[in-house]
């Protein structure tokens, strides 16, 4: 399952701008709690030449649902206000028993 998001800004400090870090806004995500559910998801930005630059959502940014993503390469300024694809990460189900419990149970059956 994938969602669409919009790149809104580079991550900046007072005198520096981080070219690999982008702030993005997912449609329908308006609180910090909803934003935190997307941490670890992959982000794909497609260049006008149809090349893909991949990134990963690192953390929420503020309380309005904005997220911070780190990309493998720096994005150009033309990327601002364009759409990106957010590929949902698959959550694995936690195991109900540990390996130690399984081996003990297997040993008792013999």
N, C-alpha and C. Protein backbone atom coordinates (compact mmCIF):
# COMPACT_ATOMS: atom_id res chain seq x y z
N UNK A 1 0.84 -1.17 0.00
CA UNK A 1 0.00 0.00 0.00
C UNK A 1 0.89 1.24 0.00
N UNK A 2 0.53 2.22 -0.78
CA UNK A 2 1.35 3.43 -0.84
C UNK A 2 0.46 4.66 -0.69
N UNK A 3 1.05 5.71 -0.15
CA UNK A 3 0.39 6.99 0.04
C UNK A 3 1.14 8.05 -0.75
N UNK A 4 0.53 9.20 -0.92
CA UNK A 4 1.23 10.31 -1.54
C UNK A 4 1.49 11.37 -0.50
N UNK A 5 2.60 12.04 -0.64
CA UNK A 5 2.99 13.12 0.26
C UNK A 5 3.55 14.25 -0.59
N UNK A 6 3.72 15.41 0.04
CA UNK A 6 4.25 16.57 -0.67
C UNK A 6 5.48 17.05 0.08
N UNK A 7 6.56 17.30 -0.66
CA UNK A 7 7.79 17.84 -0.07
C UNK A 7 7.56 19.33 0.19
N UNK A 8 7.75 19.75 1.44
CA UNK A 8 7.45 21.15 1.74
C UNK A 8 8.68 22.00 1.99
N UNK A 9 9.79 21.40 2.45
CA UNK A 9 10.98 22.22 2.73
C UNK A 9 12.18 21.34 2.98
N UNK A 10 13.37 21.95 2.86
CA UNK A 10 14.58 21.30 3.32
C UNK A 10 14.63 21.47 4.84
N UNK A 11 15.31 20.58 5.51
CA UNK A 11 15.53 20.76 6.95
C UNK A 11 16.62 21.80 7.10
N UNK A 12 16.34 22.84 7.86
CA UNK A 12 17.29 23.94 7.97
C UNK A 12 17.61 24.26 9.42
N UNK A 13 18.74 24.91 9.60
CA UNK A 13 19.12 25.49 10.88
C UNK A 13 19.26 27.00 10.63
N UNK A 14 19.84 27.69 11.57
CA UNK A 14 19.94 29.14 11.42
C UNK A 14 20.80 29.53 10.23
N UNK A 15 21.92 28.83 10.05
CA UNK A 15 22.84 29.20 8.96
C UNK A 15 23.12 28.06 7.99
N UNK A 16 22.53 26.90 8.20
CA UNK A 16 22.83 25.75 7.36
C UNK A 16 21.56 25.11 6.83
N UNK A 17 21.72 24.44 5.71
CA UNK A 17 20.60 23.72 5.10
C UNK A 17 21.07 22.31 4.80
N UNK A 18 20.33 21.33 5.25
CA UNK A 18 20.70 19.93 5.03
C UNK A 18 20.01 19.46 3.75
N UNK A 19 20.80 19.16 2.75
CA UNK A 19 20.26 18.85 1.43
C UNK A 19 19.63 17.46 1.36
N UNK A 20 20.05 16.53 2.22
CA UNK A 20 19.49 15.18 2.20
C UNK A 20 18.25 15.04 3.06
N UNK A 21 17.98 16.00 3.93
CA UNK A 21 16.85 15.92 4.84
C UNK A 21 15.72 16.81 4.33
N UNK A 22 14.54 16.22 4.18
CA UNK A 22 13.39 16.96 3.68
C UNK A 22 12.24 16.84 4.67
N UNK A 23 11.42 17.89 4.71
CA UNK A 23 10.19 17.84 5.48
C UNK A 23 9.07 17.52 4.51
N UNK A 24 8.21 16.58 4.88
CA UNK A 24 7.12 16.21 3.99
C UNK A 24 5.81 16.12 4.75
N UNK A 25 4.74 16.27 4.01
CA UNK A 25 3.41 16.31 4.57
C UNK A 25 2.56 15.24 3.87
N UNK A 26 2.05 14.28 4.63
CA UNK A 26 1.21 13.23 4.08
C UNK A 26 -0.24 13.69 4.16
N UNK A 27 -0.98 13.44 3.10
CA UNK A 27 -2.38 13.83 3.07
C UNK A 27 -3.16 13.08 4.14
N UNK A 28 -3.94 13.80 4.94
CA UNK A 28 -4.75 13.19 5.98
C UNK A 28 -4.02 12.95 7.29
N UNK A 29 -2.76 13.28 7.35
CA UNK A 29 -1.96 13.11 8.57
C UNK A 29 -1.81 14.48 9.22
N UNK A 30 -2.56 14.73 10.32
CA UNK A 30 -2.57 16.07 10.88
C UNK A 30 -2.17 16.15 12.35
N UNK A 31 -1.74 15.04 12.95
CA UNK A 31 -1.28 15.06 14.34
C UNK A 31 0.05 14.33 14.44
N UNK A 32 0.75 14.59 15.53
CA UNK A 32 2.04 13.93 15.74
C UNK A 32 1.87 12.42 15.91
N UNK A 33 0.78 11.98 16.54
CA UNK A 33 0.54 10.55 16.75
C UNK A 33 0.33 9.83 15.42
N UNK A 34 -0.43 10.44 14.51
CA UNK A 34 -0.62 9.83 13.19
C UNK A 34 0.68 9.82 12.41
N UNK A 35 1.48 10.86 12.56
CA UNK A 35 2.76 10.94 11.85
C UNK A 35 3.73 9.87 12.35
N UNK A 36 3.69 9.58 13.65
CA UNK A 36 4.62 8.60 14.22
C UNK A 36 4.38 7.20 13.67
N UNK A 37 3.19 6.91 13.16
CA UNK A 37 2.90 5.59 12.60
C UNK A 37 3.67 5.34 11.30
N UNK A 38 4.14 6.39 10.65
CA UNK A 38 4.82 6.24 9.36
C UNK A 38 6.34 6.17 9.49
N UNK A 39 6.87 6.26 10.70
CA UNK A 39 8.32 6.22 10.88
C UNK A 39 8.85 4.88 10.40
N UNK A 40 9.90 4.91 9.61
CA UNK A 40 10.49 3.69 9.06
C UNK A 40 10.00 3.35 7.66
N UNK A 41 8.98 4.04 7.17
CA UNK A 41 8.47 3.79 5.82
C UNK A 41 9.43 4.35 4.77
N UNK A 42 9.41 3.77 3.60
CA UNK A 42 10.26 4.21 2.51
C UNK A 42 9.58 5.32 1.72
N UNK A 43 10.38 6.24 1.18
CA UNK A 43 9.89 7.35 0.38
C UNK A 43 10.60 7.30 -0.97
N UNK A 44 9.86 7.52 -2.06
CA UNK A 44 10.45 7.49 -3.40
C UNK A 44 10.08 8.77 -4.13
N UNK A 45 11.10 9.52 -4.57
CA UNK A 45 10.88 10.71 -5.39
C UNK A 45 11.39 10.39 -6.80
N UNK A 46 10.55 10.63 -7.80
CA UNK A 46 10.91 10.35 -9.18
C UNK A 46 11.33 11.65 -9.85
N UNK A 47 12.51 11.65 -10.45
CA UNK A 47 13.02 12.84 -11.14
C UNK A 47 12.28 13.03 -12.46
N UNK A 48 12.38 14.21 -13.07
CA UNK A 48 11.77 14.39 -14.38
C UNK A 48 12.32 13.43 -15.44
N UNK A 49 13.55 12.93 -15.22
CA UNK A 49 14.16 11.97 -16.14
C UNK A 49 13.78 10.53 -15.80
N UNK A 50 12.81 10.35 -14.90
CA UNK A 50 12.27 9.04 -14.49
C UNK A 50 13.24 8.21 -13.66
N UNK A 51 14.29 8.83 -13.09
CA UNK A 51 15.14 8.15 -12.13
C UNK A 51 14.50 8.25 -10.76
N UNK A 52 14.79 7.31 -9.89
CA UNK A 52 14.18 7.30 -8.58
C UNK A 52 15.24 7.53 -7.50
N UNK A 53 14.91 8.38 -6.54
CA UNK A 53 15.77 8.63 -5.39
C UNK A 53 14.99 8.17 -4.17
N UNK A 54 15.62 7.29 -3.38
CA UNK A 54 14.93 6.66 -2.25
C UNK A 54 15.32 7.33 -0.94
N UNK A 55 14.39 7.31 -0.02
CA UNK A 55 14.62 7.84 1.31
C UNK A 55 13.85 7.05 2.33
N UNK A 56 13.97 7.47 3.58
CA UNK A 56 13.31 6.78 4.68
C UNK A 56 12.79 7.83 5.66
N UNK A 57 11.58 7.63 6.16
CA UNK A 57 11.03 8.56 7.13
C UNK A 57 11.72 8.33 8.47
N UNK A 58 12.29 9.40 9.01
CA UNK A 58 13.11 9.28 10.21
C UNK A 58 12.36 9.66 11.49
N UNK A 59 11.57 10.74 11.46
CA UNK A 59 10.95 11.23 12.69
C UNK A 59 9.85 12.22 12.36
N UNK A 60 8.94 12.44 13.30
CA UNK A 60 7.97 13.53 13.11
C UNK A 60 8.65 14.87 13.33
N UNK A 61 8.06 15.91 12.80
CA UNK A 61 8.62 17.26 12.93
C UNK A 61 7.51 18.18 13.40
N UNK A 62 7.48 18.48 14.67
CA UNK A 62 6.43 19.34 15.21
C UNK A 62 5.18 18.54 15.56
N UNK A 63 4.09 19.25 15.80
CA UNK A 63 2.85 18.62 16.25
C UNK A 63 1.75 18.62 15.21
N UNK A 64 2.01 19.07 13.99
CA UNK A 64 0.98 19.19 12.96
C UNK A 64 1.00 18.06 11.94
N UNK A 65 1.75 16.99 12.19
CA UNK A 65 1.75 15.85 11.29
C UNK A 65 2.81 15.90 10.21
N UNK A 66 3.74 16.81 10.29
CA UNK A 66 4.83 16.90 9.32
C UNK A 66 5.89 15.87 9.69
N UNK A 67 6.52 15.28 8.69
CA UNK A 67 7.53 14.24 8.91
C UNK A 67 8.87 14.67 8.33
N UNK A 68 9.94 14.11 8.89
CA UNK A 68 11.29 14.35 8.38
C UNK A 68 11.78 13.09 7.70
N UNK A 69 12.27 13.24 6.48
CA UNK A 69 12.78 12.08 5.72
C UNK A 69 14.23 12.32 5.32
N UNK A 70 15.01 11.26 5.33
CA UNK A 70 16.41 11.31 4.89
C UNK A 70 16.51 10.56 3.57
N UNK A 71 17.09 11.20 2.57
CA UNK A 71 17.23 10.59 1.25
C UNK A 71 18.66 10.13 1.03
N UNK A 72 18.83 9.19 0.09
CA UNK A 72 20.15 8.64 -0.18
C UNK A 72 21.06 9.67 -0.85
N UNK A 73 20.47 10.54 -1.66
CA UNK A 73 21.21 11.63 -2.31
C UNK A 73 20.47 12.92 -2.01
N UNK A 74 21.16 14.02 -2.14
CA UNK A 74 20.51 15.30 -1.95
C UNK A 74 19.51 15.57 -3.06
N UNK A 75 18.38 16.14 -2.72
CA UNK A 75 17.36 16.46 -3.72
C UNK A 75 17.57 17.88 -4.24
N UNK A 76 17.25 18.12 -5.50
CA UNK A 76 17.39 19.47 -6.04
C UNK A 76 16.27 20.38 -5.53
N UNK A 77 16.45 21.66 -5.69
CA UNK A 77 15.44 22.61 -5.28
C UNK A 77 14.14 22.46 -6.06
N UNK A 78 14.22 21.89 -7.27
CA UNK A 78 13.01 21.66 -8.07
C UNK A 78 12.08 20.64 -7.41
N UNK A 79 12.57 19.88 -6.46
CA UNK A 79 11.76 18.86 -5.82
C UNK A 79 10.74 19.45 -4.85
N UNK A 80 10.97 20.67 -4.40
CA UNK A 80 10.04 21.28 -3.45
C UNK A 80 8.64 21.40 -4.06
N UNK A 81 7.66 21.12 -3.25
CA UNK A 81 6.23 21.14 -3.58
C UNK A 81 5.82 20.05 -4.56
N UNK A 82 6.69 19.09 -4.86
CA UNK A 82 6.30 17.98 -5.73
C UNK A 82 5.82 16.81 -4.88
N UNK A 83 5.21 15.84 -5.53
CA UNK A 83 4.68 14.67 -4.85
C UNK A 83 5.74 13.59 -4.73
N UNK A 84 5.67 12.86 -3.64
CA UNK A 84 6.50 11.67 -3.44
C UNK A 84 5.59 10.52 -3.06
N UNK A 85 6.08 9.32 -3.26
CA UNK A 85 5.32 8.13 -2.91
C UNK A 85 5.85 7.56 -1.59
N UNK A 86 4.98 7.33 -0.65
CA UNK A 86 5.35 6.75 0.64
C UNK A 86 4.90 5.30 0.62
N UNK A 87 5.86 4.38 0.67
CA UNK A 87 5.55 2.95 0.65
C UNK A 87 5.47 2.48 2.09
N UNK A 88 4.30 2.00 2.49
CA UNK A 88 4.07 1.58 3.87
C UNK A 88 4.99 0.41 4.22
N UNK A 89 5.54 0.47 5.41
CA UNK A 89 6.34 -0.66 5.88
C UNK A 89 5.40 -1.73 6.39
N UNK A 90 5.78 -2.98 6.22
CA UNK A 90 4.94 -4.08 6.68
C UNK A 90 5.30 -4.40 8.12
N UNK A 91 4.31 -4.40 8.96
CA UNK A 91 4.52 -4.69 10.38
C UNK A 91 4.42 -6.19 10.57
N UNK A 92 5.49 -6.78 11.08
CA UNK A 92 5.47 -8.22 11.31
C UNK A 92 4.76 -8.50 12.63
N UNK A 93 4.07 -9.62 12.68
CA UNK A 93 3.35 -9.99 13.89
C UNK A 93 4.34 -10.52 14.92
N UNK A 94 4.21 -10.10 16.17
CA UNK A 94 5.15 -10.61 17.18
C UNK A 94 4.88 -12.08 17.47
N UNK A 95 5.94 -12.81 17.75
CA UNK A 95 5.81 -14.23 18.05
C UNK A 95 5.18 -14.40 19.43
N UNK A 96 4.30 -15.38 19.55
CA UNK A 96 3.62 -15.62 20.81
C UNK A 96 4.52 -16.36 21.80
N UNK A 97 5.42 -17.17 21.28
CA UNK A 97 6.34 -17.91 22.14
C UNK A 97 7.77 -17.64 21.70
N UNK A 98 8.67 -17.75 22.62
CA UNK A 98 10.07 -17.56 22.28
C UNK A 98 10.68 -18.87 21.79
N UNK A 99 11.89 -18.82 21.27
CA UNK A 99 12.55 -20.02 20.77
C UNK A 99 12.89 -20.97 21.91
N UNK A 100 13.21 -20.43 23.08
CA UNK A 100 13.53 -21.27 24.23
C UNK A 100 12.31 -22.10 24.64
N UNK A 101 11.15 -21.48 24.64
CA UNK A 101 9.93 -22.18 25.02
C UNK A 101 9.62 -23.27 24.01
N UNK A 102 9.84 -22.99 22.72
CA UNK A 102 9.56 -23.98 21.69
C UNK A 102 10.49 -25.18 21.81
N UNK A 103 11.77 -24.94 22.10
CA UNK A 103 12.72 -26.06 22.22
C UNK A 103 12.43 -26.89 23.46
N UNK A 104 12.02 -26.26 24.54
CA UNK A 104 11.68 -27.01 25.75
C UNK A 104 10.45 -27.88 25.51
N UNK A 105 9.46 -27.30 24.80
CA UNK A 105 8.25 -28.06 24.50
C UNK A 105 8.56 -29.23 23.58
N UNK A 106 9.46 -29.04 22.60
CA UNK A 106 9.83 -30.12 21.69
C UNK A 106 10.58 -31.21 22.44
N UNK A 107 11.41 -30.84 23.42
CA UNK A 107 12.15 -31.82 24.20
C UNK A 107 11.25 -32.66 25.08
N UNK A 108 10.18 -32.10 25.59
CA UNK A 108 9.26 -32.84 26.46
C UNK A 108 8.44 -33.86 25.67
N UNK A 109 8.18 -33.58 24.39
CA UNK A 109 7.35 -34.48 23.59
C UNK A 109 8.07 -35.77 23.28
N UNK A 110 9.38 -35.78 23.25
CA UNK A 110 10.14 -36.97 22.88
C UNK A 110 10.15 -38.00 23.95
